Amino acid sequence: MKASSIFFSILSAITIAVFIFAPERLPSGVGITPVPIEAYARPSIFAQGQVAGLKNLTGKTLHNVKISLFNPNGEIIKGAMREQWPPGESMELGWLEGWEINKGTRLKASASGYFSKTWQY
């Protein structure tokens, strides 16, 4: 057997093991299933625009959660990272938190072990 084929066999085995046994070690946005986050929108009571609510739907902690807000042109407006997000916990993002969510903006969320999900407002 060639050294390169042994190397790629070992690398493949390690990669598969991480996906199965330690998905929280993967970079945010790398995974097999979509991130288990539910999103909703409601009108802001303090200013124009909307408030986006996000909830962890799993029974386990999500790791390395990245949340990004994009304008209609696809340029990033704001981003945040949360290292750990406990099960069932919700958060809201709106004007008070420094997020301007208006018509046409997109919110994208990803976490370790899951690929990203995007919502249009």
PDB file of N, CA and C in Angstrom:
ATOM      1  N   MET A   1       0.842  -1.188   0.000  1.00  0.00           N
ATOM      2  CA  MET A   1       0.000   0.000   0.000  1.00  0.00           C
ATOM      3  C   MET A   1       0.881   1.243   0.000  1.00  0.00           C
ATOM      4  N   LYS A   2       0.463   2.224  -0.732  1.00  0.00           N
ATOM      5  CA  LYS A   2       1.217   3.466  -0.801  1.00  0.00           C
ATOM      6  C   LYS A   2       0.993   4.281   0.469  1.00  0.00           C
ATOM      7  N   ALA A   3       1.985   5.100   0.781  1.00  0.00           N
ATOM      8  CA  ALA A   3       1.904   5.949   1.972  1.00  0.00           C
ATOM      9  C   ALA A   3       0.750   6.938   1.854  1.00  0.00           C
ATOM     10  N   SER A   4       0.501   7.460   0.659  1.00  0.00           N
ATOM     11  CA  SER A   4      -0.573   8.442   0.497  1.00  0.00           C
ATOM     12  C   SER A   4      -1.948   7.824   0.716  1.00  0.00           C
ATOM     13  N   SER A   5      -2.155   6.588   0.267  1.00  0.00           N
ATOM     14  CA  SER A   5      -3.457   5.957   0.483  1.00  0.00           C
ATOM     15  C   SER A   5      -3.668   5.619   1.956  1.00  0.00           C
ATOM     16  N   ILE A   6      -2.611   5.271   2.669  1.00  0.00           N
ATOM     17  CA  ILE A   6      -2.710   5.037   4.117  1.00  0.00           C
ATOM     18  C   ILE A   6      -3.068   6.339   4.821  1.00  0.00           C
ATOM     19  N   PHE A   7      -2.390   7.412   4.428  1.00  0.00           N
ATOM     20  CA  PHE A   7      -2.661   8.724   5.022  1.00  0.00           C
ATOM     21  C   PHE A   7      -4.123   9.117   4.830  1.00  0.00           C
ATOM     22  N   PHE A   8      -4.646   9.005   3.595  1.00  0.00           N
ATOM     23  CA  PHE A   8      -6.029   9.385   3.322  1.00  0.00           C
ATOM     24  C   PHE A   8      -7.027   8.457   4.014  1.00  0.00           C
ATOM     25  N   SER A   9      -6.687   7.210   4.199  1.00  0.00           N
ATOM     26  CA  SER A   9      -7.560   6.284   4.936  1.00  0.00           C
ATOM     27  C   SER A   9      -7.668   6.690   6.401  1.00  0.00           C
ATOM     28  N   ILE A  10      -6.524   7.026   6.983  1.00  0.00           N
ATOM     29  CA  ILE A  10      -6.515   7.455   8.394  1.00  0.00           C
ATOM     30  C   ILE A  10      -7.243   8.787   8.548  1.00  0.00           C
ATOM     31  N   LEU A  11      -6.987   9.718   7.632  1.00  0.00           N
ATOM     32  CA  LEU A  11      -7.658  11.020   7.680  1.00  0.00           C
ATOM     33  C   LEU A  11      -9.170  10.860   7.548  1.00  0.00           C
ATOM     34  N   SER A  12      -9.614   9.997   6.660  1.00  0.00           N
ATOM     35  CA  SER A  12     -11.049   9.737   6.490  1.00  0.00           C
ATOM     36  C   SER A  12     -11.664   9.142   7.751  1.00  0.00           C
ATOM     37  N   ALA A  13     -10.966   8.208   8.365  1.00  0.00           N
ATOM     38  CA  ALA A  13     -11.463   7.587   9.597  1.00  0.00           C
ATOM     39  C   ALA A  13     -11.584   8.612  10.719  1.00  0.00           C
ATOM     40  N   ILE A  14     -10.610   9.492  10.847  1.00  0.00           N
ATOM     41  CA  ILE A  14     -10.657  10.538  11.882  1.00  0.00           C
ATOM     42  C   ILE A  14     -11.817  11.494  11.607  1.00  0.00           C
ATOM     43  N   THR A  15     -11.983  11.897  10.363  1.00  0.00           N
ATOM     44  CA  THR A  15     -13.069  12.815   9.998  1.00  0.00           C
ATOM     45  C   THR A  15     -14.434  12.210  10.305  1.00  0.00           C
ATOM     46  N   ILE A  16     -14.627  10.974   9.943  1.00  0.00           N
ATOM     47  CA  ILE A  16     -15.900  10.295  10.211  1.00  0.00           C
ATOM     48  C   ILE A  16     -16.138  10.174  11.716  1.00  0.00           C
ATOM     49  N   ALA A  17     -15.094   9.867  12.463  1.00  0.00           N
ATOM     50  CA  ALA A  17     -15.221   9.748  13.919  1.00  0.00           C
ATOM     51  C   ALA A  17     -15.624  11.076  14.554  1.00  0.00           C
ATOM     52  N   VAL A  18     -15.057  12.184  14.078  1.00  0.00           N
ATOM     53  CA  VAL A  18     -15.422  13.495  14.621  1.00  0.00           C
ATOM     54  C   VAL A  18     -16.883  13.809  14.312  1.00  0.00           C
ATOM     55  N   PHE A  19     -17.323  13.549  13.066  1.00  0.00           N
ATOM     56  CA  PHE A  19     -18.726  13.785  12.700  1.00  0.00           C
ATOM     57  C   PHE A  19     -19.666  12.996  13.599  1.00  0.00           C
ATOM     58  N   ILE A  20     -19.297  11.771  13.945  1.00  0.00           N
ATOM     59  CA  ILE A  20     -20.183  10.902  14.724  1.00  0.00           C
ATOM     60  C   ILE A  20     -20.087  11.161  16.228  1.00  0.00           C
ATOM     61  N   PHE A  21     -18.866  11.229  16.758  1.00  0.00           N
ATOM     62  CA  PHE A  21     -18.681  11.255  18.210  1.00  0.00           C
ATOM     63  C   PHE A  21     -18.429  12.639  18.807  1.00  0.00           C
ATOM     64  N   ALA A  22     -18.009  13.614  18.034  1.00  0.00           N
ATOM     65  CA  ALA A  22     -17.709  14.938  18.590  1.00  0.00           C
ATOM     66  C   ALA A  22     -18.074  16.055  17.610  1.00  0.00           C
ATOM     67  N   PRO A  23     -19.342  16.147  17.202  1.00  0.00           N
ATOM     68  CA  PRO A  23     -19.708  17.184  16.221  1.00  0.00           C
ATOM     69  C   PRO A  23     -19.487  18.605  16.741  1.00  0.00           C
ATOM     70  N   GLU A  24     -19.473  18.792  18.062  1.00  0.00           N
ATOM     71  CA  GLU A  24     -19.238  20.133  18.613  1.00  0.00           C
ATOM     72  C   GLU A  24     -17.823  20.625  18.336  1.00  0.00           C
ATOM     73  N   ARG A  25     -16.932  19.739  17.910  1.00  0.00           N
ATOM     74  CA  ARG A  25     -15.551  20.109  17.568  1.00  0.00           C
ATOM     75  C   ARG A  25     -15.420  20.605  16.133  1.00  0.00           C
ATOM     76  N   LEU A  26     -16.468  20.427  15.337  1.00  0.00           N
ATOM     77  CA  LEU A  26     -16.440  20.863  13.945  1.00  0.00           C
ATOM     78  C   LEU A  26     -16.614  22.377  13.873  1.00  0.00           C
ATOM     79  N   PRO A  27     -16.125  22.993  12.804  1.00  0.00           N
ATOM     80  CA  PRO A  27     -16.372  24.429  12.637  1.00  0.00           C
ATOM     81  C   PRO A  27     -17.867  24.704  12.468  1.00  0.00           C
ATOM     82  N   SER A  28     -18.279  25.893  12.821  1.00  0.00           N
ATOM     83  CA  SER A  28     -19.671  26.287  12.654  1.00  0.00           C
ATOM     84  C   SER A  28     -20.053  26.218  11.189  1.00  0.00           C
ATOM     85  N   GLY A  29     -21.196  25.589  10.892  1.00  0.00           N
ATOM     86  CA  GLY A  29     -21.669  25.476   9.531  1.00  0.00           C
ATOM     87  C   GLY A  29     -21.276  24.185   8.842  1.00  0.00           C
ATOM     88  N   VAL A  30     -20.504  23.342   9.521  1.00  0.00           N
ATOM     89  CA  VAL A  30     -20.091  22.057   8.939  1.00  0.00           C
ATOM     90  C   VAL A  30     -20.884  20.959   9.618  1.00  0.00           C
ATOM     91  N   GLY A  31     -21.692  20.248   8.834  1.00  0.00           N
ATOM     92  CA  GLY A  31     -22.500  19.177   9.389  1.00  0.00           C
ATOM     93  C   GLY A  31     -23.352  18.534   8.318  1.00  0.00           C
ATOM     94  N   ILE A  32     -24.149  17.581   8.740  1.00  0.00           N
ATOM     95  CA  ILE A  32     -24.968  16.806   7.818  1.00  0.00           C
ATOM     96  C   ILE A  32     -26.417  17.288   7.820  1.00  0.00           C
ATOM     97  N   THR A  33     -26.903  17.784   8.942  1.00  0.00           N
ATOM     98  CA  THR A  33     -28.294  18.232   9.060  1.00  0.00           C
ATOM     99  C   THR A  33     -28.354  19.746   9.270  1.00  0.00           C
ATOM    100  N   PRO A  34     -29.501  20.389   8.972  1.00  0.00           N
ATOM    101  CA  PRO A  34     -29.608  21.832   9.196  1.00  0.00           C
ATOM    102  C   PRO A  34     -29.617  22.164  10.690  1.00  0.00           C
ATOM    103  N   VAL A  35     -29.146  23.347  11.001  1.00  0.00           N
ATOM    104  CA  VAL A  35     -29.092  23.778  12.399  1.00  0.00           C
ATOM    105  C   VAL A  35     -30.514  23.768  12.978  1.00  0.00           C
ATOM    106  N   PRO A  36     -30.704  23.146  14.154  1.00  0.00           N
ATOM    107  CA  PRO A  36     -32.053  23.019  14.736  1.00  0.00           C
ATOM    108  C   PRO A  36     -32.488  24.272  15.500  1.00  0.00           C
ATOM    109  N   ILE A  37     -32.570  25.363  14.779  1.00  0.00           N
ATOM    110  CA  ILE A  37     -32.985  26.634  15.362  1.00  0.00           C
ATOM    111  C   ILE A  37     -34.269  27.064  14.671  1.00  0.00           C
ATOM    112  N   GLU A  38     -35.233  27.488  15.452  1.00  0.00           N
ATOM    113  CA  GLU A  38     -36.493  28.012  14.928  1.00  0.00           C
ATOM    114  C   GLU A  38     -36.415  29.530  14.984  1.00  0.00           C
ATOM    115  N   ALA A  39     -36.909  30.193  13.937  1.00  0.00           N
ATOM    116  CA  ALA A  39     -36.892  31.657  13.907  1.00  0.00           C
ATOM    117  C   ALA A  39     -38.314  32.184  13.725  1.00  0.00           C
ATOM    118  N   TYR A  40     -38.549  33.340  14.302  1.00  0.00           N
ATOM    119  CA  TYR A  40     -39.826  34.033  14.115  1.00  0.00           C
ATOM    120  C   TYR A  40     -39.547  35.528  14.084  1.00  0.00           C
ATOM    121  N   ALA A  41     -40.505  36.287  13.633  1.00  0.00           N
ATOM    122  CA  ALA A  41     -40.375  37.746  13.586  1.00  0.00           C
ATOM    123  C   ALA A  41     -41.616  38.364  14.204  1.00  0.00           C
ATOM    124  N   ARG A  42     -41.405  39.513  14.831  1.00  0.00           N
ATOM    125  CA  ARG A  42     -42.519  40.281  15.381  1.00  0.00           C
ATOM    126  C   ARG A  42     -42.184  41.758  15.221  1.00  0.00           C
ATOM    127  N   PRO A  43     -43.192  42.631  15.182  1.00  0.00           N
ATOM    128  CA  PRO A  43     -42.912  44.065  15.065  1.00  0.00           C
ATOM    129  C   PRO A  43     -42.204  44.573  16.319  1.00  0.00           C
ATOM    130  N   SER A  44     -41.301  45.511  16.120  1.00  0.00           N
ATOM    131  CA  SER A  44     -40.608  46.136  17.248  1.00  0.00           C
ATOM    132  C   SER A  44     -41.532  47.163  17.893  1.00  0.00           C
ATOM    133  N   ILE A  45     -41.569  47.205  19.216  1.00  0.00           N
ATOM    134  CA  ILE A  45     -42.417  48.182  19.899  1.00  0.00           C
ATOM    135  C   ILE A  45     -41.653  49.479  20.194  1.00  0.00           C
ATOM    136  N   PHE A  46     -40.313  49.459  20.027  1.00  0.00           N
ATOM    137  CA  PHE A  46     -39.512  50.632  20.347  1.00  0.00           C
ATOM    138  C   PHE A  46     -39.097  51.441  19.126  1.00  0.00           C
ATOM    139  N   ALA A  47     -39.043  50.820  17.967  1.00  0.00           N
ATOM    140  CA  ALA A  47     -38.558  51.509  16.769  1.00  0.00           C
ATOM    141  C   ALA A  47     -39.140  50.848  15.533  1.00  0.00           C
ATOM    142  N   GLN A  48     -38.747  51.368  14.384  1.00  0.00           N
ATOM    143  CA  GLN A  48     -39.171  50.744  13.143  1.00  0.00           C
ATOM    144  C   GLN A  48     -38.455  49.414  12.978  1.00  0.00           C
ATOM    145  N   GLY A  49     -38.979  48.606  12.091  1.00  0.00           N
ATOM    146  CA  GLY A  49     -38.351  47.320  11.830  1.00  0.00           C
ATOM    147  C   GLY A  49     -38.978  46.211  12.646  1.00  0.00           C
ATOM    148  N   GLN A  50     -38.276  45.098  12.660  1.00  0.00           N
ATOM    149  CA  GLN A  50     -38.781  43.914  13.336  1.00  0.00           C
ATOM    150  C   GLN A  50     -37.772  43.401  14.356  1.00  0.00           C
ATOM    151  N   VAL A  51     -38.258  42.508  15.181  1.00  0.00           N
ATOM    152  CA  VAL A  51     -37.420  41.781  16.129  1.00  0.00           C
ATOM    153  C   VAL A  51     -37.415  40.325  15.670  1.00  0.00           C
ATOM    154  N   ALA A  52     -36.241  39.752  15.562  1.00  0.00           N
ATOM    155  CA  ALA A  52     -36.126  38.339  15.191  1.00  0.00           C
ATOM    156  C   ALA A  52     -35.904  37.531  16.457  1.00  0.00           C
ATOM    157  N   GLY A  53     -36.682  36.487  16.610  1.00  0.00           N
ATOM    158  CA  GLY A  53     -36.507  35.584  17.738  1.00  0.00           C
ATOM    159  C   GLY A  53     -35.935  34.269  17.246  1.00  0.00           C
ATOM    160  N   LEU A  54     -35.017  33.707  18.005  1.00  0.00           N
ATOM    161  CA  LEU A  54     -34.387  32.432  17.664  1.00  0.00           C
ATOM    162  C   LEU A  54     -34.457  31.512  18.869  1.00  0.00           C
ATOM    163  N   LYS A  55     -34.731  30.237  18.632  1.00  0.00           N
ATOM    164  CA  LYS A  55     -34.842  29.279  19.728  1.00  0.00           C
ATOM    165  C   LYS A  55     -34.107  27.995  19.379  1.00  0.00           C
ATOM    166  N   ASN A  56     -33.349  27.478  20.351  1.00  0.00           N
ATOM    167  CA  ASN A  56     -32.669  26.188  20.223  1.00  0.00           C
ATOM    168  C   ASN A  56     -33.712  25.098  20.443  1.00  0.00           C
ATOM    169  N   LEU A  57     -34.035  24.361  19.379  1.00  0.00           N
ATOM    170  CA  LEU A  57     -35.078  23.338  19.442  1.00  0.00           C
ATOM    171  C   LEU A  57     -34.600  21.985  19.963  1.00  0.00           C
ATOM    172  N   THR A  58     -33.308  21.817  20.132  1.00  0.00           N
ATOM    173  CA  THR A  58     -32.784  20.506  20.520  1.00  0.00           C
ATOM    174  C   THR A  58     -32.853  20.303  22.029  1.00  0.00           C
ATOM    175  N   GLY A  59     -32.616  19.092  22.431  1.00  0.00           N
ATOM    176  CA  GLY A  59     -32.517  18.763  23.844  1.00  0.00           C
ATOM    177  C   GLY A  59     -31.071  18.802  24.322  1.00  0.00           C
ATOM    178  N   LYS A  60     -30.196  19.411  23.506  1.00  0.00           N
ATOM    179  CA  LYS A  60     -28.791  19.498  23.894  1.00  0.00           C
ATOM    180  C   LYS A  60     -28.236  20.877  23.571  1.00  0.00           C
ATOM    181  N   THR A  61     -27.094  21.178  24.135  1.00  0.00           N
ATOM    182  CA  THR A  61     -26.445  22.459  23.928  1.00  0.00           C
ATOM    183  C   THR A  61     -25.856  22.540  22.527  1.00  0.00           C
ATOM    184  N   LEU A  62     -26.101  23.657  21.861  1.00  0.00           N
ATOM    185  CA  LEU A  62     -25.465  23.928  20.566  1.00  0.00           C
ATOM    186  C   LEU A  62     -24.148  24.648  20.830  1.00  0.00           C
ATOM    187  N   HIS A  63     -23.141  24.355  20.007  1.00  0.00           N
ATOM    188  CA  HIS A  63     -21.811  24.940  20.187  1.00  0.00           C
ATOM    189  C   HIS A  63     -21.442  25.815  18.997  1.00  0.00           C
ATOM    190  N   ASN A  64     -20.692  26.877  19.267  1.00  0.00           N
ATOM    191  CA  ASN A  64     -20.158  27.779  18.245  1.00  0.00           C
ATOM    192  C   ASN A  64     -21.243  28.272  17.284  1.00  0.00           C
ATOM    193  N   VAL A  65     -22.301  28.824  17.838  1.00  0.00           N
ATOM    194  CA  VAL A  65     -23.417  29.316  17.030  1.00  0.00           C
ATOM    195  C   VAL A  65     -23.035  30.695  16.471  1.00  0.00           C
ATOM    196  N   LYS A  66     -23.091  30.813  15.151  1.00  0.00           N
ATOM    197  CA  LYS A  66     -22.832  32.082  14.473  1.00  0.00           C
ATOM    198  C   LYS A  66     -24.145  32.598  13.906  1.00  0.00           C
ATOM    199  N   ILE A  67     -24.406  33.881  14.155  1.00  0.00           N
ATOM    200  CA  ILE A  67     -25.608  34.527  13.632  1.00  0.00           C
ATOM    201  C   ILE A  67     -25.160  35.750  12.854  1.00  0.00           C
ATOM    202  N   SER A  68     -25.630  35.856  11.621  1.00  0.00           N
ATOM    203  CA  SER A  68     -25.252  36.974  10.751  1.00  0.00           C
ATOM    204  C   SER A  68     -26.491  37.588  10.143  1.00  0.00           C
ATOM    205  N   LEU A  69     -26.458  38.920   9.995  1.00  0.00           N
ATOM    206  CA  LEU A  69     -27.539  39.663   9.363  1.00  0.00           C
ATOM    207  C   LEU A  69     -27.000  40.274   8.077  1.00  0.00           C
ATOM    208  N   PHE A  70     -27.716  40.054   6.964  1.00  0.00           N
ATOM    209  CA  PHE A  70     -27.301  40.541   5.660  1.00  0.00           C
ATOM    210  C   PHE A  70     -28.332  41.514   5.108  1.00  0.00           C
ATOM    211  N   ASN A  71     -27.853  42.550   4.394  1.00  0.00           N
ATOM    212  CA  ASN A  71     -28.780  43.461   3.725  1.00  0.00           C
ATOM    213  C   ASN A  71     -29.272  42.813   2.433  1.00  0.00           C
ATOM    214  N   PRO A  72     -30.238  43.435   1.729  1.00  0.00           N
ATOM    215  CA  PRO A  72     -30.768  42.823   0.501  1.00  0.00           C
ATOM    216  C   PRO A  72     -29.715  42.576  -0.590  1.00  0.00           C
ATOM    217  N   ASN A  73     -28.589  43.310  -0.539  1.00  0.00           N
ATOM    218  CA  ASN A  73     -27.511  43.133  -1.518  1.00  0.00           C
ATOM    219  C   ASN A  73     -26.572  41.993  -1.157  1.00  0.00           C
ATOM    220  N   GLY A  74     -26.786  41.348  -0.013  1.00  0.00           N
ATOM    221  CA  GLY A  74     -25.937  40.234   0.410  1.00  0.00           C
ATOM    222  C   GLY A  74     -24.731  40.638   1.240  1.00  0.00           C
ATOM    223  N   GLU A  75     -24.616  41.918   1.570  1.00  0.00           N
ATOM    224  CA  GLU A  75     -23.501  42.390   2.401  1.00  0.00           C
ATOM    225  C   GLU A  75     -23.850  42.194   3.867  1.00  0.00           C
ATOM    226  N   ILE A  76     -22.865  41.763   4.651  1.00  0.00           N
ATOM    227  CA  ILE A  76     -23.120  41.528   6.076  1.00  0.00           C
ATOM    228  C   ILE A  76     -23.270  42.868   6.800  1.00  0.00           C
ATOM    229  N   ILE A  77     -24.304  42.949   7.617  1.00  0.00           N
ATOM    230  CA  ILE A  77     -24.580  44.156   8.403  1.00  0.00           C
ATOM    231  C   ILE A  77     -24.052  43.985   9.824  1.00  0.00           C
ATOM    232  N   LYS A  78     -24.325  42.827  10.396  1.00  0.00           N
ATOM    233  CA  LYS A  78     -23.949  42.576  11.791  1.00  0.00           C
ATOM    234  C   LYS A  78     -23.789  41.077  11.996  1.00  0.00           C
ATOM    235  N   GLY A  79     -22.953  40.715  12.942  1.00  0.00           N
ATOM    236  CA  GLY A  79     -22.758  39.311  13.258  1.00  0.00           C
ATOM    237  C   GLY A  79     -22.505  39.115  14.734  1.00  0.00           C
ATOM    238  N   ALA A  80     -22.757  37.923  15.189  1.00  0.00           N
ATOM    239  CA  ALA A  80     -22.527  37.580  16.595  1.00  0.00           C
ATOM    240  C   ALA A  80     -22.166  36.102  16.685  1.00  0.00           C
ATOM    241  N   MET A  81     -21.478  35.749  17.751  1.00  0.00           N
ATOM    242  CA  MET A  81     -21.094  34.357  17.992  1.00  0.00           C
ATOM    243  C   MET A  81     -21.446  34.020  19.430  1.00  0.00           C
ATOM    244  N   ARG A  82     -21.994  32.858  19.595  1.00  0.00           N
ATOM    245  CA  ARG A  82     -22.333  32.369  20.933  1.00  0.00           C
ATOM    246  C   ARG A  82     -21.685  31.008  21.088  1.00  0.00           C
ATOM    247  N   GLU A  83     -20.764  30.873  22.031  1.00  0.00           N
ATOM    248  CA  GLU A  83     -20.017  29.620  22.185  1.00  0.00           C
ATOM    249  C   GLU A  83     -20.907  28.458  22.584  1.00  0.00           C
ATOM    250  N   GLN A  84     -21.833  28.688  23.509  1.00  0.00           N
ATOM    251  CA  GLN A  84     -22.749  27.625  23.937  1.00  0.00           C
ATOM    252  C   GLN A  84     -24.155  28.192  24.059  1.00  0.00           C
ATOM    253  N   TRP A  85     -25.117  27.424  23.542  1.00  0.00           N
ATOM    254  CA  TRP A  85     -26.509  27.832  23.589  1.00  0.00           C
ATOM    255  C   TRP A  85     -27.301  26.675  24.186  1.00  0.00           C
ATOM    256  N   PRO A  86     -27.755  26.802  25.444  1.00  0.00           N
ATOM    257  CA  PRO A  86     -28.452  25.715  26.144  1.00  0.00           C
ATOM    258  C   PRO A  86     -29.748  25.285  25.446  1.00  0.00           C
ATOM    259  N   PRO A  87     -30.180  24.047  25.676  1.00  0.00           N
ATOM    260  CA  PRO A  87     -31.388  23.531  25.042  1.00  0.00           C
ATOM    261  C   PRO A  87     -32.635  24.313  25.438  1.00  0.00           C
ATOM    262  N   GLY A  88     -33.507  24.544  24.448  1.00  0.00           N
ATOM    263  CA  GLY A  88     -34.775  25.219  24.699  1.00  0.00           C
ATOM    264  C   GLY A  88     -34.681  26.709  24.912  1.00  0.00           C
ATOM    265  N   GLU A  89     -33.479  27.265  24.973  1.00  0.00           N
ATOM    266  CA  GLU A  89     -33.317  28.692  25.249  1.00  0.00           C
ATOM    267  C   GLU A  89     -33.577  29.525  24.001  1.00  0.00           C
ATOM    268  N   SER A  90     -34.183  30.701  24.200  1.00  0.00           N
ATOM    269  CA  SER A  90     -34.487  31.629  23.110  1.00  0.00           C
ATOM    270  C   SER A  90     -33.702  32.916  23.275  1.00  0.00           C
ATOM    271  N   MET A  91     -33.561  33.653  22.177  1.00  0.00           N
ATOM    272  CA  MET A  91     -33.007  35.001  22.236  1.00  0.00           C
ATOM    273  C   MET A  91     -33.679  35.843  21.174  1.00  0.00           C
ATOM    274  N   GLU A  92     -33.766  37.135  21.424  1.00  0.00           N
ATOM    275  CA  GLU A  92     -34.346  38.044  20.453  1.00  0.00           C
ATOM    276  C   GLU A  92     -33.303  39.076  20.038  1.00  0.00           C
ATOM    277  N   LEU A  93     -33.342  39.422  18.763  1.00  0.00           N
ATOM    278  CA  LEU A  93     -32.425  40.406  18.198  1.00  0.00           C
ATOM    279  C   LEU A  93     -33.251  41.495  17.544  1.00  0.00           C
ATOM    280  N   GLY A  94     -33.045  42.711  17.964  1.00  0.00           N
ATOM    281  CA  GLY A  94     -33.794  43.839  17.412  1.00  0.00           C
ATOM    282  C   GLY A  94     -33.047  45.133  17.641  1.00  0.00           C
ATOM    283  N   TRP A  95     -33.776  46.231  17.542  1.00  0.00           N
ATOM    284  CA  TRP A  95     -33.194  47.548  17.656  1.00  0.00           C
ATOM    285  C   TRP A  95     -32.460  47.742  18.989  1.00  0.00           C
ATOM    286  N   LEU A  96     -33.037  47.272  20.092  1.00  0.00           N
ATOM    287  CA  LEU A  96     -32.397  47.440  21.406  1.00  0.00           C
ATOM    288  C   LEU A  96     -31.051  46.732  21.496  1.00  0.00           C
ATOM    289  N   GLU A  97     -30.897  45.645  20.759  1.00  0.00           N
ATOM    290  CA  GLU A  97     -29.642  44.885  20.770  1.00  0.00           C
ATOM    291  C   GLU A  97     -28.690  45.342  19.657  1.00  0.00           C
ATOM    292  N   GLY A  98     -29.092  46.368  18.900  1.00  0.00           N
ATOM    293  CA  GLY A  98     -28.243  46.893  17.835  1.00  0.00           C
ATOM    294  C   GLY A  98     -28.432  46.219  16.481  1.00  0.00           C
ATOM    295  N   TRP A  99     -29.518  45.478  16.312  1.00  0.00           N
ATOM    296  CA  TRP A  99     -29.805  44.777  15.056  1.00  0.00           C
ATOM    297  C   TRP A  99     -30.973  45.482  14.380  1.00  0.00           C
ATOM    298  N   GLU A 100     -30.793  45.935  13.132  1.00  0.00           N
ATOM    299  CA  GLU A 100     -31.874  46.556  12.368  1.00  0.00           C
ATOM    300  C   GLU A 100     -32.393  45.558  11.354  1.00  0.00           C
ATOM    301  N   ILE A 101     -33.497  44.918  11.679  1.00  0.00           N
ATOM    302  CA  ILE A 101     -34.088  43.897  10.820  1.00  0.00           C
ATOM    303  C   ILE A 101     -35.264  44.514  10.088  1.00  0.00           C
ATOM    304  N   ASN A 102     -35.080  44.722   8.796  1.00  0.00           N
ATOM    305  CA  ASN A 102     -36.090  45.351   7.953  1.00  0.00           C
ATOM    306  C   ASN A 102     -36.450  44.430   6.800  1.00  0.00           C
ATOM    307  N   LYS A 103     -37.432  44.859   6.024  1.00  0.00           N
ATOM    308  CA  LYS A 103     -37.861  44.067   4.873  1.00  0.00           C
ATOM    309  C   LYS A 103     -36.673  43.866   3.917  1.00  0.00           C
ATOM    310  N   GLY A 104     -36.478  42.624   3.505  1.00  0.00           N
ATOM    311  CA  GLY A 104     -35.398  42.302   2.579  1.00  0.00           C
ATOM    312  C   GLY A 104     -34.119  41.814   3.237  1.00  0.00           C
ATOM    313  N   THR A 105     -33.982  42.033   4.554  1.00  0.00           N
ATOM    314  CA  THR A 105     -32.777  41.536   5.224  1.00  0.00           C
ATOM    315  C   THR A 105     -32.898  40.035   5.451  1.00  0.00           C
ATOM    316  N   ARG A 106     -31.740  39.380   5.564  1.00  0.00           N
ATOM    317  CA  ARG A 106     -31.694  37.934   5.796  1.00  0.00           C
ATOM    318  C   ARG A 106     -30.894  37.656   7.057  1.00  0.00           C
ATOM    319  N   LEU A 107     -31.354  36.703   7.819  1.00  0.00           N
ATOM    320  CA  LEU A 107     -30.676  36.262   9.026  1.00  0.00           C
ATOM    321  C   LEU A 107     -30.186  34.838   8.788  1.00  0.00           C
ATOM    322  N   LYS A 108     -28.917  34.587   9.090  1.00  0.00           N
ATOM    323  CA  LYS A 108     -28.321  33.268   8.870  1.00  0.00           C
ATOM    324  C   LYS A 108     -27.743  32.769  10.184  1.00  0.00           C
ATOM    325  N   ALA A 109     -28.028  31.503  10.504  1.00  0.00           N
ATOM    326  CA  ALA A 109     -27.509  30.889  11.730  1.00  0.00           C
ATOM    327  C   ALA A 109     -26.828  29.572  11.385  1.00  0.00           C
ATOM    328  N   SER A 110     -25.720  29.293  12.064  1.00  0.00           N
ATOM    329  CA  SER A 110     -25.023  28.019  11.901  1.00  0.00           C
ATOM    330  C   SER A 110     -24.444  27.618  13.255  1.00  0.00           C
ATOM    331  N   ALA A 111     -24.126  26.343  13.391  1.00  0.00           N
ATOM    332  CA  ALA A 111     -23.548  25.821  14.628  1.00  0.00           C
ATOM    333  C   ALA A 111     -22.650  24.635  14.291  1.00  0.00           C
ATOM    334  N   SER A 112     -21.778  24.280  15.201  1.00  0.00           N
ATOM    335  CA  SER A 112     -20.898  23.136  14.999  1.00  0.00           C
ATOM    336  C   SER A 112     -21.726  21.865  14.847  1.00  0.00           C
ATOM    337  N   GLY A 113     -21.406  21.088  13.820  1.00  0.00           N
ATOM    338  CA  GLY A 113     -22.113  19.840  13.570  1.00  0.00           C
ATOM    339  C   GLY A 113     -23.364  19.977  12.735  1.00  0.00           C
ATOM    340  N   TYR A 114     -23.718  21.207  12.321  1.00  0.00           N
ATOM    341  CA  TYR A 114     -24.918  21.466  11.529  1.00  0.00           C
ATOM    342  C   TYR A 114     -24.585  22.451  10.409  1.00  0.00           C
ATOM    343  N   PHE A 115     -25.255  22.298   9.264  1.00  0.00           N
ATOM    344  CA  PHE A 115     -25.066  23.316   8.236  1.00  0.00           C
ATOM    345  C   PHE A 115     -26.040  24.460   8.473  1.00  0.00           C
ATOM    346  N   SER A 116     -25.766  25.599   7.858  1.00  0.00           N
ATOM    347  CA  SER A 116     -26.497  26.833   8.173  1.00  0.00           C
ATOM    348  C   SER A 116     -27.905  26.853   7.591  1.00  0.00           C
ATOM    349  N   LYS A 117     -28.699  27.734   8.188  1.00  0.00           N
ATOM    350  CA  LYS A 117     -30.078  27.973   7.789  1.00  0.00           C
ATOM    351  C   LYS A 117     -30.246  29.483   7.636  1.00  0.00           C
ATOM    352  N   THR A 118     -31.054  29.915   6.657  1.00  0.00           N
ATOM    353  CA  THR A 118     -31.264  31.340   6.405  1.00  0.00           C
ATOM    354  C   THR A 118     -32.752  31.654   6.384  1.00  0.00           C
ATOM    355  N   TRP A 119     -33.093  32.811   6.987  1.00  0.00           N
ATOM    356  CA  TRP A 119     -34.477  33.289   6.998  1.00  0.00           C
ATOM    357  C   TRP A 119     -34.513  34.674   6.360  1.00  0.00           C
ATOM    358  N   GLN A 120     -35.517  34.914   5.530  1.00  0.00           N
ATOM    359  CA  GLN A 120     -35.705  36.202   4.846  1.00  0.00           C
ATOM    360  C   GLN A 120     -36.806  36.973   5.553  1.00  0.00           C
ATOM    361  N   TYR A 121     -36.594  38.266   5.764  1.00  0.00           N
ATOM    362  CA  TYR A 121     -37.608  39.115   6.412  1.00  0.00           C
ATOM    363  C   TYR A 121     -38.173  40.121   5.455  1.00  0.00           C
TER     364      TYR A 121
END
